[in-house]
Protein backbone atom coordinates (compact mmCIF):
# COMPACT_ATOMS: atom_id res chain seq x y z
CA MET A 1 22.54 1.21 13.44
CA GLN A 2 23.22 4.63 14.95
CA LYS A 3 23.56 4.88 18.71
CA LYS A 4 20.54 6.60 20.22
CA GLN A 5 20.07 8.98 23.11
CA TRP A 6 17.68 7.48 25.63
CA ILE A 7 15.55 10.30 27.00
CA VAL A 8 13.34 9.18 29.88
CA ARG A 9 10.40 11.49 30.45
CA THR A 10 10.26 12.82 34.01
CA ALA A 11 7.04 11.73 35.67
CA PRO A 12 4.95 14.32 37.56
CA VAL A 13 5.47 14.31 41.30
CA GLU A 14 1.85 13.35 41.96
CA LEU A 15 0.55 10.79 39.51
CA PRO A 16 -3.20 10.52 38.95
CA ALA A 17 -4.63 7.19 40.11
CA MET A 18 -7.99 7.39 38.35
CA ALA A 19 -9.31 8.03 34.87
CA GLY A 20 -12.73 9.34 35.68
CA GLU A 21 -14.59 6.54 37.43
CA LYS A 22 -12.22 3.82 36.20
CA ALA A 23 -9.00 2.96 37.97
CA ILE A 24 -5.92 2.62 35.80
CA LEU A 25 -2.48 1.23 36.52
CA PRO A 26 0.20 3.62 37.80
CA LEU A 27 2.38 3.12 34.69
CA THR A 28 -0.55 3.94 32.41
CA ALA A 29 -1.27 7.02 34.50
CA ALA A 30 2.40 8.04 34.26
CA ILE A 31 2.37 7.67 30.48
CA LEU A 32 -0.77 9.78 30.12
CA ALA A 33 0.42 12.40 32.58
CA GLY A 34 3.73 12.66 30.74
CA ARG A 35 1.75 13.41 27.60
CA GLY A 36 -0.14 16.21 29.31
CA ILE A 37 -3.26 14.18 30.17
CA SER A 38 -3.64 14.16 33.94
CA GLU A 39 -7.11 15.41 34.84
CA PRO A 40 -9.82 12.74 35.20
CA ASP A 41 -12.08 14.35 32.58
CA ALA A 42 -9.21 14.61 30.10
CA MET A 43 -8.30 10.97 30.75
CA ASP A 44 -11.89 9.88 30.18
CA ALA A 45 -12.04 11.83 26.93
CA PHE A 46 -8.75 10.31 25.79
CA LEU A 47 -9.56 6.73 26.74
CA SER A 48 -13.12 6.90 25.39
CA PRO A 49 -13.12 9.26 22.37
CA SER A 50 -16.71 10.34 21.67
CA LEU A 51 -18.29 11.87 18.58
CA ALA A 52 -20.25 14.04 21.01
CA ASP A 53 -16.96 15.86 21.70
CA MET A 54 -16.54 17.01 18.10
CA LEU A 55 -16.00 20.75 17.80
CA ASP A 56 -18.63 22.94 16.23
CA PRO A 57 -17.61 23.34 12.55
CA SER A 58 -19.32 26.74 12.40
CA ARG A 59 -16.36 28.05 14.42
CA MET A 60 -14.17 27.54 11.36
CA LYS A 61 -13.56 30.79 9.53
CA GLY A 62 -15.25 30.83 6.12
CA MET A 63 -17.69 28.02 6.94
CA ALA A 64 -20.86 30.11 6.68
CA ASP A 65 -19.80 31.43 3.25
CA ALA A 66 -18.86 27.96 2.02
CA VAL A 67 -22.17 26.44 3.10
CA ALA A 68 -24.20 29.32 1.65
CA ARG A 69 -22.46 29.03 -1.73
CA LEU A 70 -22.98 25.25 -1.83
CA LEU A 71 -26.69 25.64 -1.02
CA GLU A 72 -26.96 28.14 -3.85
CA ALA A 73 -25.25 25.70 -6.22
CA ARG A 74 -27.73 22.99 -5.20
CA ARG A 75 -30.70 25.28 -5.71
CA ARG A 76 -29.48 26.31 -9.17
CA GLN A 77 -28.21 22.80 -10.01
CA GLU A 78 -24.85 24.26 -10.95
CA LYS A 79 -22.09 21.85 -11.79
CA ILE A 80 -19.54 21.45 -8.99
CA THR A 81 -16.08 19.96 -9.54
CA VAL A 82 -14.08 18.75 -6.57
CA TYR A 83 -10.37 19.34 -7.27
CA GLY A 84 -8.36 16.98 -5.08
CA ASP A 85 -4.77 15.98 -4.54
CA TYR A 86 -3.10 12.74 -5.62
CA ASP A 87 -2.12 11.48 -2.16
CA VAL A 88 -4.34 9.47 0.21
CA ASP A 89 -5.52 12.59 2.05
CA GLY A 90 -6.59 14.15 -1.25
CA ILE A 91 -8.10 10.91 -2.58
CA THR A 92 -10.18 10.31 0.53
CA GLY A 93 -11.16 13.98 0.81
CA THR A 94 -12.31 13.96 -2.81
CA THR A 95 -14.27 10.72 -2.32
CA LEU A 96 -15.88 12.05 0.85
CA LEU A 97 -17.09 15.27 -0.77
CA VAL A 98 -18.23 13.69 -4.03
CA SER A 99 -20.08 10.86 -2.30
CA PHE A 100 -21.95 13.15 0.10
CA LEU A 101 -22.76 15.82 -2.47
CA ARG A 102 -24.11 13.32 -4.99
CA GLN A 103 -26.16 11.60 -2.31
CA THR A 104 -27.75 14.89 -1.23
CA GLY A 105 -28.80 16.25 -4.63
CA PHE A 106 -25.78 18.15 -5.92
CA ASP A 107 -24.46 17.92 -9.48
CA CYS A 108 -20.90 16.94 -8.66
CA ASP A 109 -17.87 15.68 -10.57
CA TYR A 110 -14.20 15.51 -9.57
CA PHE A 111 -10.70 16.08 -10.90
CA ILE A 112 -7.44 14.64 -9.57
CA PRO A 113 -4.28 16.19 -11.05
CA ASN A 114 -1.65 13.97 -12.60
CA ARG A 115 1.57 14.35 -10.62
CA PHE A 116 3.66 14.42 -13.81
CA ASP A 117 1.46 16.47 -16.15
CA ASP A 118 -0.33 18.86 -13.80
CA GLY A 119 1.99 19.03 -10.81
CA TYR A 120 0.94 19.67 -7.23
CA GLY A 121 -2.01 21.89 -6.36
CA LEU A 122 -4.33 23.96 -8.50
CA ASN A 123 -3.11 24.16 -12.08
CA GLY A 124 -4.24 26.89 -14.48
CA GLU A 125 -4.52 24.67 -17.54
CA ALA A 126 -6.46 22.04 -15.59
CA LEU A 127 -8.79 24.71 -14.21
CA ASP A 128 -9.35 25.97 -17.74
CA ARG A 129 -10.44 22.49 -18.83
CA ILE A 130 -12.69 22.11 -15.81
CA ILE A 131 -14.42 25.46 -16.43
CA ASN A 132 -14.78 24.71 -20.15
CA ALA A 133 -16.52 21.49 -19.14
CA GLY A 134 -19.19 23.52 -17.36
CA ALA A 135 -18.09 23.82 -13.74
CA ALA A 136 -19.53 26.91 -12.05
CA LEU A 137 -18.09 26.09 -8.64
CA ILE A 138 -14.75 24.41 -7.90
CA LEU A 139 -14.15 22.89 -4.49
CA SER A 140 -10.48 22.20 -3.75
CA VAL A 141 -9.53 19.69 -1.09
CA ASP A 142 -6.08 19.16 0.45
CA CYS A 143 -4.67 21.89 -1.80
CA GLY A 144 -5.27 25.49 -2.86
CA ILE A 145 -4.25 27.56 0.15
CA THR A 146 -1.38 29.21 -1.78
CA ALA A 147 -3.17 29.35 -5.17
CA VAL A 148 -3.45 33.15 -5.41
CA GLU A 149 -3.01 33.35 -9.19
CA GLU A 150 -5.25 30.33 -9.83
CA ALA A 151 -8.06 31.80 -7.71
CA LEU A 152 -7.84 35.02 -9.72
CA PHE A 153 -7.97 32.98 -12.92
CA CYS A 154 -11.19 31.29 -11.76
CA ARG A 155 -12.79 34.66 -11.05
CA GLN A 156 -11.77 35.99 -14.44
CA ARG A 157 -13.34 32.95 -16.07
CA GLY A 158 -16.60 33.39 -14.14
CA ALA A 159 -16.19 30.36 -11.88
CA GLU A 160 -16.08 30.48 -8.10
CA LEU A 161 -13.70 28.64 -5.81
CA ILE A 162 -14.04 27.21 -2.31
CA ILE A 163 -10.71 26.16 -0.79
CA VAL A 164 -10.68 23.27 1.72
CA ASP A 165 -7.10 22.83 2.90
CA HIS A 166 -4.90 22.26 5.95
CA HIS A 167 -1.46 23.31 4.73
CA ALA A 168 0.30 26.40 6.02
CA PRO A 169 -1.09 29.57 4.42
CA LYS A 170 1.12 32.37 3.19
CA GLU A 171 0.61 36.02 4.08
CA THR A 172 -1.75 36.58 1.14
CA LEU A 173 -4.71 34.22 0.84
CA PRO A 174 -6.36 33.39 -2.48
CA ASP A 175 -9.36 35.55 -3.36
CA ALA A 176 -11.88 32.71 -3.16
CA CYS A 177 -15.54 32.86 -2.19
CA ALA A 178 -14.61 30.86 0.91
CA VAL A 179 -11.40 29.56 2.45
CA LEU A 180 -11.59 26.77 5.04
CA ASN A 181 -8.31 26.19 6.85
CA PRO A 182 -7.91 26.15 10.64
CA LEU A 183 -4.42 27.61 10.25
CA GLN A 184 -5.57 30.85 8.64
CA SER A 185 -5.44 34.00 10.70
CA GLY A 186 -8.59 34.74 12.67
CA CYS A 187 -9.96 31.18 12.61
CA ASP A 188 -11.66 30.31 15.92
CA TYR A 189 -11.73 26.56 15.30
CA ALA A 190 -9.59 25.43 18.23
CA PHE A 191 -8.01 22.28 16.77
CA LYS A 192 -5.31 23.22 14.27
CA CYS A 193 -3.96 19.80 13.21
CA LEU A 194 -6.67 18.44 10.91
CA ALA A 195 -5.80 16.61 7.71
CA GLY A 196 -7.43 17.87 4.52
CA VAL A 197 -10.08 15.15 4.76
CA GLY A 198 -10.78 16.30 8.33
CA VAL A 199 -11.48 19.85 7.13
CA ALA A 200 -13.75 18.40 4.43
CA PHE A 201 -15.63 16.35 7.03
CA ASN A 202 -16.28 19.49 9.07
CA LEU A 203 -17.69 21.13 5.95
CA LEU A 204 -20.11 18.23 5.50
CA VAL A 205 -21.23 18.38 9.14
CA ALA A 206 -22.09 22.05 8.68
CA LEU A 207 -23.65 21.51 5.25
CA ARG A 208 -25.86 18.65 6.43
CA ALA A 209 -27.10 20.81 9.32
CA ALA A 210 -27.98 23.60 6.88
CA LEU A 211 -29.75 21.19 4.52
CA ARG A 212 -31.70 19.79 7.45
CA ASP A 213 -32.66 23.27 8.66
CA GLN A 214 -34.09 24.19 5.26
CA GLY A 215 -36.12 20.98 5.10
CA SER A 216 -34.17 19.28 2.31
CA PHE A 217 -34.53 15.86 3.94
CA GLY A 218 -38.21 16.11 4.79
CA SER A 219 -38.99 14.17 7.95
CA ASP A 220 -35.64 12.37 7.69
CA SER A 221 -32.52 13.65 9.45
CA GLY A 222 -30.34 13.19 6.36
CA PRO A 223 -27.35 10.92 5.71
CA ASP A 224 -25.54 9.46 8.71
CA LEU A 225 -22.12 11.08 8.46
CA ARG A 226 -20.58 8.26 10.48
CA GLN A 227 -20.65 6.14 7.31
CA TRP A 228 -17.79 8.23 5.93
CA LEU A 229 -15.51 8.09 8.97
CA ASP A 230 -13.58 5.20 7.40
CA LEU A 231 -12.44 7.62 4.70
CA VAL A 232 -11.57 10.24 7.30
CA ALA A 233 -9.49 7.69 9.22
CA LEU A 234 -7.66 6.55 6.07
CA GLY A 235 -6.70 10.08 5.03
CA THR A 236 -5.87 11.29 8.53
CA ILE A 237 -3.54 8.39 9.33
CA ALA A 238 -1.91 8.45 5.90
CA ASP A 239 -1.16 12.17 6.15
CA VAL A 240 0.70 11.64 9.45
CA VAL A 241 -1.07 14.40 11.36
CA PRO A 242 -1.18 14.14 15.17
CA LEU A 243 -3.65 11.50 16.38
CA ILE A 244 -4.89 13.64 19.23
CA GLY A 245 -7.97 15.77 19.85
CA GLN A 246 -10.41 15.76 16.95
CA ASN A 247 -8.22 13.43 14.88
CA ARG A 248 -8.28 10.85 17.67
CA ILE A 249 -12.09 10.93 17.67
CA TYR A 250 -12.32 10.52 13.89
CA VAL A 251 -9.70 7.78 13.68
CA THR A 252 -11.00 5.76 16.63
CA HIS A 253 -14.49 5.53 15.13
CA GLY A 254 -13.18 5.24 11.58
CA LEU A 255 -11.01 2.24 12.42
CA ARG A 256 -14.04 0.46 13.87
CA LEU A 257 -15.86 1.09 10.60
CA LEU A 258 -12.88 -0.19 8.61
CA ALA A 259 -12.96 -3.43 10.62
CA ALA A 260 -16.65 -4.03 9.88
CA PRO A 261 -18.20 -5.06 6.55
CA CYS A 262 -17.83 -1.80 4.71
CA LYS A 263 -17.73 -0.12 1.31
CA PRO A 264 -16.99 -2.52 -1.59
CA GLY A 265 -13.88 -0.56 -2.51
CA ILE A 266 -12.43 -0.71 0.99
CA GLN A 267 -13.34 -4.40 1.27
CA ALA A 268 -11.41 -5.04 -1.95
CA LEU A 269 -8.47 -2.95 -0.74
CA LYS A 270 -8.33 -4.90 2.52
CA LYS A 271 -8.43 -8.18 0.61
CA VAL A 272 -5.44 -7.44 -1.64
CA ALA A 273 -3.54 -5.97 1.34
CA GLY A 274 -4.17 -9.02 3.50
CA VAL A 275 -5.92 -7.02 6.22
CA GLY A 276 -8.69 -8.72 8.18
CA GLY A 277 -10.37 -8.50 11.56
CA ALA A 278 -9.62 -5.47 13.71
CA VAL A 279 -7.81 -2.76 11.75
CA SER A 280 -5.01 -0.79 13.41
CA SER A 281 -3.53 2.57 12.47
CA GLY A 282 -0.33 0.68 11.58
CA GLN A 283 -2.18 -1.48 9.06
CA VAL A 284 -3.69 1.64 7.52
CA GLY A 285 -0.32 3.37 7.36
CA PHE A 286 1.73 0.44 6.06
CA ARG A 287 -0.73 -1.74 4.13
CA LEU A 288 -3.85 0.13 2.97
CA ALA A 289 -2.55 3.66 2.41
CA PRO A 290 0.52 2.67 0.31
CA ARG A 291 -1.74 0.87 -2.16
CA LEU A 292 -3.99 3.90 -2.51
CA ASN A 293 -0.92 6.11 -2.84
CA ALA A 294 0.72 3.86 -5.42
CA ALA A 295 -1.47 4.91 -8.33
CA GLY A 296 -0.75 8.61 -7.82
CA ARG A 297 2.95 7.96 -7.38
CA MET A 298 3.33 5.82 -10.48
CA GLU A 299 0.78 7.38 -12.85
CA SER A 300 -2.74 8.66 -12.03
CA ALA A 301 -4.58 8.68 -8.69
CA VAL A 302 -8.00 8.49 -10.36
CA PRO A 303 -8.29 4.69 -9.82
CA GLY A 304 -8.00 5.31 -6.08
CA VAL A 305 -11.07 7.56 -6.12
CA GLU A 306 -12.94 5.19 -8.42
CA LEU A 307 -12.18 2.35 -6.02
CA LEU A 308 -13.50 4.20 -2.98
CA LEU A 309 -16.59 5.44 -4.83
CA GLY A 310 -17.29 2.03 -6.40
CA ASP A 311 -20.31 -0.07 -5.47
CA ASP A 312 -19.70 -3.15 -7.68
CA PRO A 313 -17.54 -5.68 -5.78
CA PRO A 314 -15.99 -7.44 -8.82
CA HIS A 315 -15.08 -4.11 -10.43
CA CYS A 316 -13.68 -2.83 -7.13
CA LEU A 317 -11.57 -5.95 -6.74
CA ALA A 318 -10.15 -5.48 -10.25
CA ILE A 319 -9.14 -1.90 -9.40
CA ALA A 320 -7.67 -2.99 -6.06
CA GLU A 321 -5.57 -5.63 -7.82
CA GLU A 322 -4.26 -2.95 -10.20
CA LEU A 323 -3.34 -0.78 -7.23
CA ASP A 324 -1.65 -3.74 -5.56
CA ALA A 325 0.41 -4.34 -8.70
CA ALA A 326 1.31 -0.64 -8.88
CA ASN A 327 2.38 -0.80 -5.25
CA GLY A 328 4.64 -3.75 -6.01
CA GLU A 329 6.21 -1.79 -8.86
CA ARG A 330 6.60 1.21 -6.57
CA GLN A 331 8.34 -0.92 -3.94
CA ALA A 332 10.83 -2.29 -6.49
CA ILE A 333 11.67 1.20 -7.75
CA GLU A 334 11.92 2.47 -4.18
CA ARG A 335 14.40 -0.26 -3.22
CA ALA A 336 16.62 0.50 -6.21
CA ILE A 337 16.65 4.25 -5.54
CA LEU A 338 17.24 3.69 -1.83
CA GLN A 339 20.29 1.49 -2.42
CA GLU A 340 21.72 3.99 -4.88
CA ALA A 341 21.10 6.90 -2.53
CA ILE A 342 22.67 5.08 0.44
CA SER A 343 25.76 4.42 -1.66
CA LEU A 344 25.97 8.08 -2.68
CA VAL A 345 25.79 9.17 0.96
CA GLU A 346 28.23 6.61 2.33
CA GLN A 347 30.76 6.73 -0.51
CA GLY A 348 30.58 10.46 -1.18
CA GLY A 349 33.04 11.24 1.60
CA ASN A 350 30.77 13.86 3.18
CA TYR A 351 28.94 11.77 5.77
CA PRO A 352 28.90 12.15 8.74
CA ASP A 353 30.47 15.61 8.42
CA ARG A 354 27.53 17.05 6.51
CA ARG A 355 24.44 17.93 8.52
CA SER A 356 22.02 17.54 5.63
CA ILE A 357 21.50 15.31 2.60
CA VAL A 358 20.60 16.69 -0.83
CA LEU A 359 20.84 14.31 -3.78
CA ALA A 360 19.63 14.50 -7.37
CA SER A 361 19.53 12.08 -10.30
CA PRO A 362 17.95 11.93 -13.77
CA SER A 363 17.24 8.22 -13.25
CA TRP A 364 15.02 8.63 -10.20
CA HIS A 365 11.23 8.40 -10.25
CA GLN A 366 9.54 11.62 -9.17
CA GLY A 367 6.70 9.79 -7.45
CA VAL A 368 8.96 7.77 -5.16
CA VAL A 369 11.68 10.18 -4.02
CA GLY A 370 9.61 11.34 -1.03
CA ILE A 371 9.42 7.83 0.41
CA VAL A 372 13.14 7.31 -0.11
CA ALA A 373 13.91 10.69 1.49
CA SER A 374 11.99 9.50 4.55
CA ARG A 375 14.05 6.29 4.68
CA LEU A 376 17.33 8.21 4.42
CA ALA A 377 16.32 10.74 7.09
CA GLU A 378 15.54 7.84 9.41
CA ARG A 379 18.74 5.93 8.60
CA PHE A 380 21.23 8.82 8.76
CA HIS A 381 19.27 11.21 10.99
CA ARG A 382 19.79 14.15 8.69
CA PRO A 383 17.20 16.42 6.99
CA THR A 384 17.01 14.97 3.50
CA ILE A 385 15.85 16.20 0.10
CA LEU A 386 15.91 13.98 -2.99
CA ILE A 387 15.39 15.46 -6.44
CA ALA A 388 14.32 13.70 -9.63
CA LEU A 389 15.61 15.45 -12.78
CA ASP A 390 13.64 15.24 -16.05
CA GLU A 391 14.95 15.24 -19.61
CA GLN A 392 14.85 19.03 -19.72
CA GLY A 393 17.00 19.30 -16.60
CA GLN A 394 14.16 20.43 -14.36
CA GLY A 395 14.05 18.98 -10.87
CA LYS A 396 11.15 18.04 -8.65
CA GLY A 397 11.96 16.79 -5.18
CA SER A 398 10.63 15.85 -1.80
CA GLY A 399 12.14 16.35 1.62
CA ARG A 400 11.75 14.86 5.08
CA SER A 401 13.10 16.22 8.33
CA ILE A 402 14.27 15.22 11.80
CA PRO A 403 13.25 16.61 15.21
CA GLY A 404 14.62 20.07 15.82
CA PHE A 405 14.77 21.13 12.15
CA HIS A 406 11.86 23.03 10.59
CA LEU A 407 12.09 21.99 6.95
CA LEU A 408 9.73 24.59 5.51
CA ASP A 409 11.49 27.45 7.31
CA ALA A 410 14.82 26.21 5.94
CA LEU A 411 13.42 26.26 2.42
CA LYS A 412 12.33 29.86 2.87
CA VAL A 413 16.00 30.74 3.33
CA CYS A 414 16.74 28.88 0.08
CA SER A 415 13.77 30.35 -1.79
CA PRO A 416 15.80 32.47 -4.29
CA LEU A 417 17.12 29.20 -5.72
CA LEU A 418 13.72 27.50 -5.94
CA GLU A 419 10.93 27.87 -8.47
CA ARG A 420 8.25 26.45 -6.15
CA PHE A 421 8.17 24.95 -2.70
CA GLY A 422 5.65 24.12 -0.01
CA GLY A 423 4.82 21.80 2.84
CA HIS A 424 5.36 21.98 6.58
CA ARG A 425 7.86 21.31 9.36
CA HIS A 426 8.33 17.62 8.60
CA ALA A 427 7.79 17.23 4.84
CA VAL A 428 8.16 19.47 1.79
CA GLY A 429 8.11 19.49 -1.97
CA VAL A 430 10.41 21.56 -4.20
CA SER A 431 10.81 22.48 -7.86
CA LEU A 432 14.04 23.93 -9.23
CA SER A 433 16.36 23.97 -12.20
CA GLY A 434 18.91 21.17 -12.26
CA GLU A 435 21.59 23.82 -12.75
CA ARG A 436 20.82 25.17 -9.27
CA VAL A 437 20.96 21.90 -7.36
CA ASP A 438 24.56 22.40 -6.19
CA ASP A 439 23.89 25.96 -4.99
CA PHE A 440 20.71 24.83 -3.30
CA SER A 441 22.55 21.97 -1.59
CA ALA A 442 25.21 24.37 -0.26
CA THR A 443 22.64 26.89 1.01
CA PHE A 444 20.54 24.16 2.61
CA GLU A 445 23.65 22.69 4.28
CA ALA A 446 24.59 26.10 5.66
CA GLU A 447 21.15 26.42 7.23
CA ALA A 448 21.43 22.92 8.69
CA ARG A 449 24.83 23.79 10.18
CA ARG A 450 23.35 26.92 11.71
CA LEU A 451 20.44 25.11 13.36
CA LEU A 452 21.68 21.59 14.15
CA GLY A 453 24.22 20.86 16.87
CA ASN A 454 25.85 17.51 17.53
CA GLY A 455 23.08 16.59 19.95
CA GLU A 456 20.39 17.01 17.32
CA LEU A 457 22.29 14.74 14.94
CA MET A 458 22.05 11.77 17.29
CA PRO A 459 18.65 10.05 17.15
CA ARG A 460 16.52 10.35 20.27
CA LEU A 461 14.63 7.50 21.85
CA ASP A 462 11.87 9.10 23.89
CA ILE A 463 10.89 6.82 26.76
CA ASP A 464 7.62 7.38 28.57
CA ALA A 465 8.53 5.82 31.90
CA GLU A 466 10.89 3.48 33.69
CA ALA A 467 9.27 0.24 34.82
CA GLU A 468 10.01 -2.19 37.60
CA PRO A 469 9.69 -5.90 36.74
CA ARG A 470 6.68 -6.36 39.03
CA GLU A 471 4.80 -3.70 37.04
CA VAL A 472 5.23 -5.37 33.65
CA THR A 473 2.24 -7.69 33.50
CA LYS A 474 -0.44 -8.98 31.17
CA GLU A 475 -2.80 -6.45 32.73
CA LEU A 476 -0.47 -3.62 31.71
CA ALA A 477 -0.17 -4.90 28.13
CA LEU A 478 -3.96 -5.09 27.80
CA GLU A 479 -4.51 -1.68 29.37
CA LEU A 480 -2.00 0.04 27.10
CA LYS A 481 -4.07 -1.04 24.11
CA ARG A 482 -6.68 1.43 25.33
CA LEU A 483 -4.28 4.20 24.35
CA GLU A 484 -4.66 3.25 20.68
CA PRO A 485 -4.80 4.43 17.96
CA PHE A 486 -1.08 5.13 17.92
CA GLY A 487 0.64 7.44 15.49
CA MET A 488 2.05 10.94 15.18
CA GLY A 489 1.34 12.88 18.38
CA ASN A 490 0.36 9.70 20.23
CA PRO A 491 3.20 7.23 19.66
CA GLU A 492 3.14 3.70 20.95
CA PRO A 493 4.27 3.93 24.60
CA LEU A 494 7.88 3.07 25.26
CA LEU A 495 9.00 1.76 28.64
CA MET A 496 12.45 1.04 30.04
CA MET A 497 13.80 -1.65 32.36
CA ARG A 498 17.35 -1.67 33.67
CA SER A 499 19.79 -4.42 34.64
CA LEU A 500 18.15 -7.45 33.06
CA THR A 501 20.14 -10.67 32.98
CA VAL A 502 20.20 -12.37 29.58
CA LEU A 503 19.29 -16.01 30.18
CA GLU A 504 19.02 -16.95 26.52
CA GLN A 505 19.42 -15.39 23.07
CA ARG A 506 18.90 -16.86 19.63
CA VAL A 507 18.35 -15.64 16.10
CA VAL A 508 14.91 -16.29 14.60
CA GLY A 509 13.77 -15.60 11.07
CA GLU A 510 16.31 -13.74 8.97
CA ASP A 511 17.57 -11.11 11.41
CA HIS A 512 15.45 -11.09 14.55
CA LEU A 513 16.65 -11.74 18.08
CA ARG A 514 14.63 -13.71 20.62
CA LEU A 515 15.65 -13.14 24.24
CA ARG A 516 14.82 -14.57 27.63
CA LEU A 517 15.48 -12.03 30.37
CA SER A 518 15.23 -11.96 34.14
CA ARG A 519 15.41 -9.67 37.13
CA ASP A 520 14.12 -9.87 40.70
CA ASP A 521 12.68 -13.37 40.15
CA HIS A 522 10.69 -12.19 37.15
CA VAL A 523 11.36 -13.82 33.75
CA PHE A 524 10.34 -12.23 30.44
CA ASN A 525 10.22 -13.39 26.84
CA ALA A 526 11.32 -10.67 24.41
CA ILE A 527 11.67 -10.18 20.66
CA ALA A 528 14.01 -7.64 19.05
CA PHE A 529 13.18 -7.26 15.38
CA ARG A 530 16.06 -6.67 12.94
CA MET A 531 18.65 -6.78 15.76
CA ALA A 532 20.32 -10.13 15.11
CA SER A 533 23.62 -8.37 14.43
CA ARG A 534 23.61 -6.51 17.75
CA THR A 535 26.11 -7.45 20.43
CA VAL A 536 24.22 -8.43 23.58
CA SER A 537 25.97 -8.16 26.96
CA GLU A 538 25.26 -10.41 29.91
CA THR A 539 23.28 -7.62 31.58
CA ILE A 540 21.30 -5.11 29.54
CA ASP A 541 18.83 -2.23 29.69
CA ILE A 542 15.93 -2.42 27.26
CA ALA A 543 13.45 0.04 25.80
CA PHE A 544 10.32 -1.92 25.00
CA PHE A 545 6.56 -2.15 24.54
CA PRO A 546 4.70 -4.93 26.39
CA GLU A 547 2.20 -6.82 24.25
CA MET A 548 0.24 -10.05 24.18
CA ASN A 549 1.67 -12.57 21.72
CA GLN A 550 -0.91 -14.87 20.13
CA TRP A 551 0.48 -18.29 19.20
CA ASN A 552 -1.21 -21.68 18.73
CA GLY A 553 -4.34 -20.51 20.47
CA SER A 554 -2.56 -19.21 23.56
CA SER A 555 -1.80 -15.65 24.62
CA THR A 556 1.41 -14.80 26.49
CA LEU A 557 3.17 -11.63 27.56
CA GLN A 558 6.01 -10.57 25.26
CA LEU A 559 8.31 -7.55 25.37
CA ARG A 560 8.86 -6.04 21.93
CA VAL A 561 12.32 -4.49 22.22
CA LYS A 562 12.90 -1.19 20.41
CA ASP A 563 16.50 -0.75 21.58
CA LEU A 564 18.97 -2.31 24.01
CA ARG A 565 22.27 -1.33 25.57
CA PRO A 566 24.77 -2.75 28.08
CA THR A 567 23.92 -1.90 31.67
CA GLU A 568 26.42 0.62 32.99
């Protein structure tokens, strides 16, 4: 395990003592203030996310054109095809659009590209098939923002295109009848971090309002859009966008819906994943989303959409079991590739001197290299790109980054060596000839050496606040749960205590460490997962999260240790 830099956030001089009308503990106030939430109104909005605080979707550039074109398609009963992506964001975005459009009188079908046959994003041959099948309007979701040639192709074929995306646009936008993307120039929609499914949800809010205004629902107000927030939560969490602002509102309400009796497909997914009761963002990210992702990684993502659209419980359960089996296969392949990749890094003689990792192999599975790249970036704290080579020597890869290194910008420097690339700061996809892998690796390494100093190559442990023993109580553990859902942009709070005496330590399970710690007449039970091999001094500092441990019907305070070090 690499040594980490402990960076303790400096608390504001004057800490807020209230969140609106409700008093909160000083440590909670310090955590929120350190994250830029210090005014009472902002605290109230954060602690009690409300659908009433959703932004007006009409502020999104292109929304009026998109809604008008969809209304025209409904009036003419033109065939619409939703063109999604094969990850969870694309699957949920596709399901969301198809479900709403069918329910409100549109003629709607969908298409999910095959990762191996069609590649990422809009594909000309796939569009040709869709148009030949009668589609007059194509609605992309979670893809399309860079599809300049494909948009032109649609126009030439007499079909129109609405792009619903959240990825970074290039200088030239596709010539579509409408482009919805908060990141495009001139867009007044204030929140810029939506997932693709979040952009799609905004489209449906605006479309339902327009349908209501023209009397399409009669005396009724139309479908309750809250019924689809479970899909928005799934896609938003899975796409690892910041869980702040609008995303926090969607996910908070979506998780409540996921915990309740819900859609047959989601019920089946929860069953095979072993998820019951309250559903956390962690369970979505590590149990539900991987099973939805598995189909697209291993073969076709269509079963994921069919599962979420399904209304027959036995059929949904059969699909969920197939996805569960595909996920098991994916995990086995992932483990094999990960072990091979770790060996290549550690035995190649270049680590830790190299500041980046680029590896390629003809034996690696294209659908899994992104997950393994993420594992390597976390383990070695280096920007990492893994490339799967096919029989023709063509490579398709995925990359993951570390703080301080903008992965997409680095790829722009390498662009002469790449056939295609895209993504964002933290994650990218690339296509290139196998013959160019070595040159690409050298160019990428040069960019990493230019941008990354020794400090950036040591993992950071960002600590929200330092705690005194008297402050670490059951009340604190319960109050910190109000900061959920945790994820990108709103990580689980991390506290620090210094100079704790180790009263007891023992190994539990395979490699976990159970500790009993004391200071100032306060005694704490602690668990340090996967740290059985760590050397523990008599007196230690810990970085931890306080939580309530449920065991045999009782609830006790426990400190979940994220890192520990000898007290200096």
